[in-house]
N, C-alpha and C. Protein backbone atom coordinates (compact mmCIF):
# COMPACT_ATOMS: atom_id res chain seq x y z
N UNK A 1 0.84 -1.16 0.00
CA UNK A 1 0.00 0.00 0.00
C UNK A 1 0.89 1.23 0.00
N UNK A 2 0.51 2.20 -0.78
CA UNK A 2 1.33 3.40 -0.90
C UNK A 2 0.85 4.45 0.07
N UNK A 3 1.82 5.14 0.65
CA UNK A 3 1.51 6.22 1.58
C UNK A 3 1.69 7.58 0.90
N UNK A 4 1.47 7.64 -0.40
CA UNK A 4 1.67 8.88 -1.14
C UNK A 4 0.56 9.86 -0.80
N UNK A 5 0.94 11.07 -0.51
CA UNK A 5 -0.02 12.14 -0.24
C UNK A 5 -0.08 13.02 -1.47
N UNK A 6 -1.29 13.21 -1.99
CA UNK A 6 -1.45 14.04 -3.17
C UNK A 6 -1.68 15.49 -2.77
N UNK A 7 -0.93 16.36 -3.37
CA UNK A 7 -1.13 17.78 -3.11
C UNK A 7 -2.10 18.32 -4.15
N UNK A 8 -2.66 19.49 -3.87
CA UNK A 8 -3.61 20.08 -4.81
C UNK A 8 -2.93 20.46 -6.12
N UNK A 9 -1.61 20.70 -6.10
CA UNK A 9 -0.89 21.03 -7.33
C UNK A 9 -0.87 19.83 -8.28
N UNK A 10 -0.70 18.63 -7.74
CA UNK A 10 -0.64 17.45 -8.59
C UNK A 10 -2.01 17.09 -9.16
N UNK A 11 -3.09 17.45 -8.47
CA UNK A 11 -4.43 17.12 -8.93
C UNK A 11 -5.05 18.22 -9.80
N UNK A 12 -4.43 19.36 -9.87
CA UNK A 12 -4.95 20.48 -10.63
C UNK A 12 -4.92 20.18 -12.12
N UNK A 13 -6.05 20.35 -12.78
CA UNK A 13 -6.13 20.09 -14.22
C UNK A 13 -5.41 21.17 -15.01
N UNK A 14 -5.37 22.39 -14.48
CA UNK A 14 -4.75 23.48 -15.22
C UNK A 14 -3.23 23.45 -15.13
N UNK A 15 -2.68 22.67 -14.26
CA UNK A 15 -1.24 22.59 -14.12
C UNK A 15 -0.62 21.68 -15.16
N UNK A 16 -1.41 20.97 -15.90
CA UNK A 16 -0.94 20.01 -16.88
C UNK A 16 -1.30 20.52 -18.27
N UNK A 17 -0.38 20.40 -19.24
CA UNK A 17 -0.66 20.90 -20.59
C UNK A 17 -1.93 20.31 -21.20
N UNK A 18 -2.21 19.05 -20.97
CA UNK A 18 -3.42 18.43 -21.51
C UNK A 18 -4.65 19.06 -20.88
N UNK A 19 -4.57 19.35 -19.61
CA UNK A 19 -5.68 19.98 -18.90
C UNK A 19 -5.99 21.36 -19.46
N UNK A 20 -4.98 22.10 -19.78
CA UNK A 20 -5.17 23.44 -20.35
C UNK A 20 -5.85 23.33 -21.71
N UNK A 21 -5.43 22.37 -22.51
CA UNK A 21 -6.03 22.17 -23.83
C UNK A 21 -7.50 21.77 -23.69
N UNK A 22 -7.81 20.88 -22.74
CA UNK A 22 -9.19 20.45 -22.53
C UNK A 22 -10.05 21.64 -22.12
N UNK A 23 -9.57 22.47 -21.19
CA UNK A 23 -10.33 23.65 -20.77
C UNK A 23 -10.52 24.63 -21.93
N UNK A 24 -9.50 24.80 -22.74
CA UNK A 24 -9.61 25.70 -23.89
C UNK A 24 -10.65 25.18 -24.88
N UNK A 25 -10.65 23.88 -25.15
CA UNK A 25 -11.63 23.29 -26.07
C UNK A 25 -13.05 23.41 -25.53
N UNK A 26 -13.22 23.19 -24.23
CA UNK A 26 -14.54 23.35 -23.62
C UNK A 26 -15.02 24.80 -23.73
N UNK A 27 -14.14 25.74 -23.50
CA UNK A 27 -14.49 27.16 -23.61
C UNK A 27 -14.90 27.52 -25.02
N UNK A 28 -14.14 27.05 -25.99
CA UNK A 28 -14.43 27.36 -27.39
C UNK A 28 -15.75 26.72 -27.81
N UNK A 29 -15.97 25.46 -27.42
CA UNK A 29 -17.22 24.80 -27.80
C UNK A 29 -18.42 25.47 -27.15
N UNK A 30 -18.28 25.95 -25.92
CA UNK A 30 -19.36 26.68 -25.25
C UNK A 30 -19.66 27.97 -25.98
N UNK A 31 -18.63 28.69 -26.39
CA UNK A 31 -18.80 29.94 -27.12
C UNK A 31 -19.52 29.70 -28.45
N UNK A 32 -19.13 28.65 -29.17
CA UNK A 32 -19.78 28.32 -30.44
C UNK A 32 -21.24 27.96 -30.22
N UNK A 33 -21.52 27.20 -29.17
CA UNK A 33 -22.90 26.80 -28.86
C UNK A 33 -23.76 28.03 -28.57
N UNK A 34 -23.28 28.93 -27.76
CA UNK A 34 -24.03 30.15 -27.41
C UNK A 34 -24.22 31.01 -28.66
N UNK A 35 -23.18 31.18 -29.46
CA UNK A 35 -23.26 31.99 -30.67
C UNK A 35 -24.31 31.42 -31.64
N UNK A 36 -24.28 30.10 -31.81
CA UNK A 36 -25.23 29.43 -32.70
C UNK A 36 -26.66 29.59 -32.17
N UNK A 37 -26.85 29.43 -30.88
CA UNK A 37 -28.18 29.58 -30.27
C UNK A 37 -28.71 30.99 -30.41
N UNK A 38 -27.86 31.98 -30.22
CA UNK A 38 -28.29 33.38 -30.37
C UNK A 38 -28.72 33.66 -31.81
N UNK A 39 -28.01 33.11 -32.76
CA UNK A 39 -28.38 33.27 -34.16
C UNK A 39 -29.73 32.66 -34.48
N UNK A 40 -30.01 31.50 -33.91
CA UNK A 40 -31.30 30.85 -34.12
C UNK A 40 -32.43 31.66 -33.51
N UNK A 41 -32.21 32.21 -32.33
CA UNK A 41 -33.23 33.03 -31.68
C UNK A 41 -33.55 34.26 -32.52
N UNK A 42 -32.53 34.90 -33.06
CA UNK A 42 -32.75 36.09 -33.88
C UNK A 42 -33.56 35.74 -35.13
N UNK A 43 -33.33 34.57 -35.72
CA UNK A 43 -34.08 34.17 -36.90
C UNK A 43 -35.52 33.81 -36.56
N UNK A 44 -35.78 33.37 -35.33
CA UNK A 44 -37.10 32.95 -34.92
C UNK A 44 -38.02 34.13 -34.60
N UNK A 45 -37.49 35.30 -34.38
CA UNK A 45 -38.34 36.43 -34.06
C UNK A 45 -39.28 36.69 -35.23
N UNK A 46 -40.54 36.91 -34.90
CA UNK A 46 -41.51 37.13 -35.95
C UNK A 46 -41.67 38.62 -36.19
N UNK A 47 -41.92 38.94 -37.43
CA UNK A 47 -42.09 40.33 -37.84
C UNK A 47 -43.57 40.57 -38.05
N UNK A 48 -44.11 41.63 -37.45
CA UNK A 48 -45.50 41.98 -37.66
C UNK A 48 -45.68 42.50 -39.08
N UNK A 49 -46.84 42.22 -39.63
CA UNK A 49 -47.14 42.64 -41.00
C UNK A 49 -47.26 44.16 -41.08
N UNK A 50 -46.74 44.73 -42.15
CA UNK A 50 -46.91 46.15 -42.41
C UNK A 50 -48.33 46.36 -42.94
N UNK A 51 -48.72 47.61 -43.12
CA UNK A 51 -50.05 47.92 -43.63
C UNK A 51 -50.29 47.25 -44.98
N UNK A 52 -49.33 47.37 -45.89
CA UNK A 52 -49.51 46.78 -47.22
C UNK A 52 -49.51 45.25 -47.16
N UNK A 53 -48.68 44.67 -46.31
CA UNK A 53 -48.65 43.20 -46.17
C UNK A 53 -49.97 42.69 -45.60
N UNK A 54 -50.52 43.40 -44.62
CA UNK A 54 -51.79 42.98 -44.03
C UNK A 54 -52.91 43.08 -45.06
N UNK A 55 -52.89 44.13 -45.88
CA UNK A 55 -53.93 44.32 -46.91
C UNK A 55 -53.91 43.17 -47.92
N UNK A 56 -52.76 42.57 -48.16
CA UNK A 56 -52.62 41.49 -49.13
C UNK A 56 -53.02 40.12 -48.60
N UNK A 57 -53.19 40.00 -47.28
CA UNK A 57 -53.54 38.70 -46.70
C UNK A 57 -54.93 38.28 -47.13
N UNK A 58 -55.09 36.98 -47.36
CA UNK A 58 -56.36 36.42 -47.80
C UNK A 58 -56.99 35.59 -46.69
N UNK A 59 -58.22 35.20 -46.90
CA UNK A 59 -58.96 34.37 -45.96
C UNK A 59 -58.12 33.14 -45.58
N UNK A 60 -58.03 32.87 -44.28
CA UNK A 60 -57.31 31.73 -43.70
C UNK A 60 -55.79 31.93 -43.65
N UNK A 61 -55.26 33.05 -44.16
CA UNK A 61 -53.82 33.33 -44.03
C UNK A 61 -53.48 33.62 -42.57
N UNK A 62 -52.26 33.34 -42.19
CA UNK A 62 -51.77 33.64 -40.85
C UNK A 62 -51.42 35.12 -40.77
N UNK A 63 -51.96 35.82 -39.77
CA UNK A 63 -51.69 37.25 -39.59
C UNK A 63 -50.90 37.47 -38.31
N UNK A 64 -49.95 38.38 -38.39
CA UNK A 64 -49.17 38.82 -37.22
C UNK A 64 -49.13 40.33 -37.31
N UNK A 65 -49.89 40.98 -36.42
CA UNK A 65 -50.03 42.43 -36.49
C UNK A 65 -49.89 43.05 -35.11
N UNK A 66 -49.53 44.33 -35.10
CA UNK A 66 -49.50 45.11 -33.86
C UNK A 66 -50.55 46.20 -34.00
N UNK A 67 -51.42 46.31 -32.97
CA UNK A 67 -52.48 47.31 -33.01
C UNK A 67 -52.53 48.09 -31.70
N UNK A 68 -53.10 49.28 -31.79
CA UNK A 68 -53.45 50.05 -30.61
C UNK A 68 -54.97 49.95 -30.49
N UNK A 69 -55.44 49.43 -29.38
CA UNK A 69 -56.86 49.16 -29.20
C UNK A 69 -57.63 50.47 -28.97
N UNK A 70 -58.69 50.65 -29.75
CA UNK A 70 -59.56 51.82 -29.55
C UNK A 70 -60.83 51.42 -28.80
N UNK A 71 -61.23 50.15 -28.95
CA UNK A 71 -62.43 49.66 -28.27
C UNK A 71 -62.29 48.16 -28.06
N UNK A 72 -62.59 47.72 -26.84
CA UNK A 72 -62.51 46.29 -26.54
C UNK A 72 -63.77 45.87 -25.79
N UNK A 73 -64.41 44.84 -26.29
CA UNK A 73 -65.57 44.27 -25.62
C UNK A 73 -65.39 42.76 -25.62
N UNK A 74 -66.31 42.09 -24.98
CA UNK A 74 -66.21 40.63 -24.92
C UNK A 74 -66.26 40.04 -26.33
N UNK A 75 -65.18 39.41 -26.72
CA UNK A 75 -65.12 38.73 -28.01
C UNK A 75 -64.66 39.58 -29.18
N UNK A 76 -64.62 40.90 -29.03
CA UNK A 76 -64.25 41.79 -30.15
C UNK A 76 -63.30 42.89 -29.68
N UNK A 77 -62.35 43.18 -30.57
CA UNK A 77 -61.42 44.30 -30.35
C UNK A 77 -61.39 45.11 -31.64
N UNK A 78 -61.47 46.42 -31.52
CA UNK A 78 -61.29 47.31 -32.66
C UNK A 78 -60.05 48.14 -32.36
N UNK A 79 -59.24 48.36 -33.38
CA UNK A 79 -58.04 49.17 -33.16
C UNK A 79 -57.42 49.63 -34.46
N UNK A 80 -56.34 50.40 -34.29
CA UNK A 80 -55.58 50.90 -35.44
C UNK A 80 -54.34 50.05 -35.63
N UNK A 81 -54.06 49.71 -36.86
CA UNK A 81 -52.86 48.98 -37.21
C UNK A 81 -51.65 49.88 -36.98
N UNK A 82 -50.60 49.35 -36.38
CA UNK A 82 -49.38 50.10 -36.12
C UNK A 82 -48.25 49.57 -36.99
N UNK A 83 -47.37 50.46 -37.41
CA UNK A 83 -46.17 50.06 -38.16
C UNK A 83 -44.95 50.27 -37.28
N UNK A 84 -44.03 49.33 -37.34
CA UNK A 84 -42.82 49.36 -36.52
C UNK A 84 -41.82 50.36 -37.08
N UNK A 85 -41.34 51.25 -36.18
CA UNK A 85 -40.26 52.17 -36.56
C UNK A 85 -38.92 51.58 -36.12
N UNK A 86 -38.87 51.09 -34.87
CA UNK A 86 -37.70 50.39 -34.34
C UNK A 86 -38.21 49.45 -33.25
N UNK A 87 -37.32 48.88 -32.47
CA UNK A 87 -37.71 47.84 -31.51
C UNK A 87 -38.73 48.31 -30.47
N UNK A 88 -38.75 49.60 -30.13
CA UNK A 88 -39.64 50.07 -29.07
C UNK A 88 -40.60 51.17 -29.51
N UNK A 89 -40.61 51.52 -30.79
CA UNK A 89 -41.47 52.60 -31.26
C UNK A 89 -42.31 52.15 -32.45
N UNK A 90 -43.60 52.44 -32.37
CA UNK A 90 -44.53 52.14 -33.45
C UNK A 90 -45.24 53.41 -33.88
N UNK A 91 -45.64 53.43 -35.14
CA UNK A 91 -46.31 54.60 -35.72
C UNK A 91 -47.74 54.19 -36.08
N UNK A 92 -48.74 55.00 -35.68
CA UNK A 92 -50.11 54.66 -36.03
C UNK A 92 -50.37 54.83 -37.53
N UNK A 93 -51.26 54.02 -38.06
CA UNK A 93 -51.67 54.14 -39.45
C UNK A 93 -53.15 54.51 -39.48
N UNK A 94 -53.67 54.76 -40.64
CA UNK A 94 -55.08 55.09 -40.80
C UNK A 94 -55.95 53.83 -40.88
N UNK A 95 -55.32 52.67 -40.96
CA UNK A 95 -56.04 51.42 -41.15
C UNK A 95 -56.58 50.87 -39.84
N UNK A 96 -57.88 50.61 -39.83
CA UNK A 96 -58.47 50.00 -38.65
C UNK A 96 -58.59 48.49 -38.88
N UNK A 97 -58.68 47.78 -37.79
CA UNK A 97 -58.76 46.31 -37.87
C UNK A 97 -59.66 45.81 -36.75
N UNK A 98 -60.34 44.70 -37.03
CA UNK A 98 -61.18 44.07 -36.02
C UNK A 98 -60.58 42.71 -35.67
N UNK A 99 -60.53 42.44 -34.37
CA UNK A 99 -59.99 41.18 -33.86
C UNK A 99 -61.11 40.46 -33.13
N UNK A 100 -61.25 39.17 -33.38
CA UNK A 100 -62.17 38.33 -32.61
C UNK A 100 -61.33 37.48 -31.67
N UNK A 101 -61.73 37.42 -30.41
CA UNK A 101 -60.98 36.62 -29.44
C UNK A 101 -61.92 36.07 -28.39
N UNK A 102 -61.44 35.09 -27.65
CA UNK A 102 -62.27 34.46 -26.63
C UNK A 102 -61.44 33.74 -25.59
N UNK A 103 -62.06 32.84 -24.87
CA UNK A 103 -61.38 32.12 -23.78
C UNK A 103 -60.25 31.23 -24.28
N UNK A 104 -60.31 30.80 -25.52
CA UNK A 104 -59.25 29.94 -26.06
C UNK A 104 -58.05 30.76 -26.55
N UNK A 105 -58.18 32.09 -26.58
CA UNK A 105 -57.07 32.95 -27.01
C UNK A 105 -56.07 33.08 -25.87
N UNK A 106 -54.82 32.76 -26.15
CA UNK A 106 -53.76 32.89 -25.13
C UNK A 106 -53.38 34.37 -25.01
N UNK A 107 -53.34 34.85 -23.77
CA UNK A 107 -52.90 36.23 -23.51
C UNK A 107 -51.55 36.13 -22.81
N UNK A 108 -50.52 36.77 -23.43
CA UNK A 108 -49.15 36.67 -22.97
C UNK A 108 -48.67 38.04 -22.49
N UNK A 109 -47.81 38.06 -21.49
CA UNK A 109 -47.23 39.28 -20.92
C UNK A 109 -48.31 40.20 -20.35
N UNK A 110 -49.37 39.61 -19.89
CA UNK A 110 -50.46 40.37 -19.30
C UNK A 110 -51.64 39.45 -19.06
N UNK A 111 -52.77 40.07 -18.71
CA UNK A 111 -53.99 39.33 -18.43
C UNK A 111 -55.07 39.81 -19.39
N UNK A 112 -56.18 39.10 -19.42
CA UNK A 112 -57.30 39.49 -20.28
C UNK A 112 -57.76 40.91 -19.95
N UNK A 113 -57.66 41.33 -18.69
CA UNK A 113 -58.07 42.68 -18.29
C UNK A 113 -57.18 43.76 -18.91
N UNK A 114 -55.97 43.39 -19.33
CA UNK A 114 -55.05 44.34 -19.96
C UNK A 114 -55.40 44.61 -21.42
N UNK A 115 -56.29 43.81 -21.96
CA UNK A 115 -56.73 43.98 -23.35
C UNK A 115 -57.90 44.96 -23.31
N UNK A 116 -57.57 46.25 -23.36
CA UNK A 116 -58.55 47.33 -23.20
C UNK A 116 -58.18 48.52 -24.06
N UNK A 117 -59.04 49.49 -24.11
CA UNK A 117 -58.81 50.69 -24.91
C UNK A 117 -57.49 51.35 -24.50
N UNK A 118 -56.69 51.71 -25.50
CA UNK A 118 -55.39 52.33 -25.28
C UNK A 118 -54.23 51.36 -25.21
N UNK A 119 -54.52 50.07 -25.07
CA UNK A 119 -53.46 49.07 -24.99
C UNK A 119 -52.84 48.83 -26.37
N UNK A 120 -51.56 48.47 -26.36
CA UNK A 120 -50.86 48.07 -27.58
C UNK A 120 -50.63 46.57 -27.48
N UNK A 121 -51.08 45.84 -28.51
CA UNK A 121 -50.98 44.38 -28.49
C UNK A 121 -50.46 43.84 -29.82
N UNK A 122 -49.77 42.71 -29.71
CA UNK A 122 -49.29 41.96 -30.87
C UNK A 122 -50.25 40.78 -31.01
N UNK A 123 -50.91 40.68 -32.15
CA UNK A 123 -51.93 39.66 -32.36
C UNK A 123 -51.47 38.66 -33.42
N UNK A 124 -51.61 37.38 -33.09
CA UNK A 124 -51.34 36.32 -34.04
C UNK A 124 -52.63 35.53 -34.23
N UNK A 125 -53.02 35.32 -35.49
CA UNK A 125 -54.24 34.57 -35.75
C UNK A 125 -54.48 34.42 -37.24
N UNK A 126 -55.67 33.93 -37.56
CA UNK A 126 -56.05 33.71 -38.96
C UNK A 126 -56.97 34.82 -39.44
N UNK A 127 -56.77 35.19 -40.70
CA UNK A 127 -57.61 36.21 -41.33
C UNK A 127 -58.93 35.57 -41.73
N UNK A 128 -60.02 36.27 -41.42
CA UNK A 128 -61.35 35.80 -41.79
C UNK A 128 -61.77 36.33 -43.15
N UNK A 129 -62.91 35.86 -43.63
CA UNK A 129 -63.43 36.28 -44.93
C UNK A 129 -63.69 37.78 -44.96
N UNK A 130 -64.04 38.37 -43.80
CA UNK A 130 -64.31 39.80 -43.72
C UNK A 130 -63.04 40.61 -43.40
N UNK A 131 -61.90 39.98 -43.46
CA UNK A 131 -60.58 40.55 -43.20
C UNK A 131 -60.36 40.91 -41.72
N UNK A 132 -61.21 40.39 -40.84
CA UNK A 132 -60.93 40.50 -39.41
C UNK A 132 -59.94 39.38 -39.07
N UNK A 133 -59.42 39.40 -37.84
CA UNK A 133 -58.45 38.38 -37.43
C UNK A 133 -59.01 37.60 -36.25
N UNK A 134 -59.02 36.28 -36.37
CA UNK A 134 -59.41 35.38 -35.29
C UNK A 134 -58.14 35.12 -34.48
N UNK A 135 -58.03 35.76 -33.31
CA UNK A 135 -56.80 35.73 -32.52
C UNK A 135 -56.57 34.38 -31.86
N UNK A 136 -55.37 33.84 -32.06
CA UNK A 136 -54.92 32.64 -31.35
C UNK A 136 -54.10 33.07 -30.12
N UNK A 137 -53.37 34.18 -30.29
CA UNK A 137 -52.53 34.68 -29.20
C UNK A 137 -52.50 36.21 -29.25
N UNK A 138 -52.56 36.81 -28.06
CA UNK A 138 -52.43 38.25 -27.91
C UNK A 138 -51.30 38.51 -26.93
N UNK A 139 -50.29 39.25 -27.37
CA UNK A 139 -49.18 39.62 -26.50
C UNK A 139 -49.36 41.09 -26.13
N UNK A 140 -49.46 41.37 -24.85
CA UNK A 140 -49.65 42.73 -24.38
C UNK A 140 -48.31 43.45 -24.40
N UNK A 141 -48.19 44.50 -25.23
CA UNK A 141 -46.94 45.26 -25.36
C UNK A 141 -47.00 46.57 -24.60
N UNK A 142 -48.14 46.94 -24.06
CA UNK A 142 -48.30 48.18 -23.33
C UNK A 142 -47.22 48.27 -22.25
N UNK A 143 -46.54 49.41 -22.20
CA UNK A 143 -45.46 49.59 -21.23
C UNK A 143 -44.10 49.19 -21.76
N UNK A 144 -44.07 48.41 -22.82
CA UNK A 144 -42.80 47.97 -23.42
C UNK A 144 -42.49 48.73 -24.71
N UNK A 145 -43.54 49.26 -25.37
CA UNK A 145 -43.35 50.00 -26.60
C UNK A 145 -44.11 51.32 -26.51
N UNK A 146 -43.77 52.24 -27.40
CA UNK A 146 -44.43 53.54 -27.46
C UNK A 146 -45.00 53.75 -28.85
N UNK A 147 -46.13 54.46 -28.89
CA UNK A 147 -46.76 54.82 -30.16
C UNK A 147 -46.49 56.29 -30.39
N UNK A 148 -45.85 56.61 -31.49
CA UNK A 148 -45.52 58.01 -31.80
C UNK A 148 -46.01 58.36 -33.18
């Protein structure tokens, strides 16, 4: 039986050339993984339709729009279509839009009570025959973006 006492210097992975290479490879692979993931997230961000893009949508097309609500009642929302200027600023347009929503509509970053007059929301849903949107999801942007 050996009575060898190991010091922390002998067990240190960074004290050995192979250990340094392993740590360097782990660091590089982590950096590549994070970089690749960030790129995928940026590609996944959805862009809201502009006024002209929304006008071109047909019945049953998927709509992604940002609106400022002028009137909200049970099951119906009326508002103005907004166009994106930058990440936090939207510009009102002259185009009005009607949204149909209900209990099956997911409300994100807020509650159903936040879907009210003056609120800014990102709506995802299908375009109806009357060019209204049947909302599948409403993201409350009020407080995160400004309308100018």
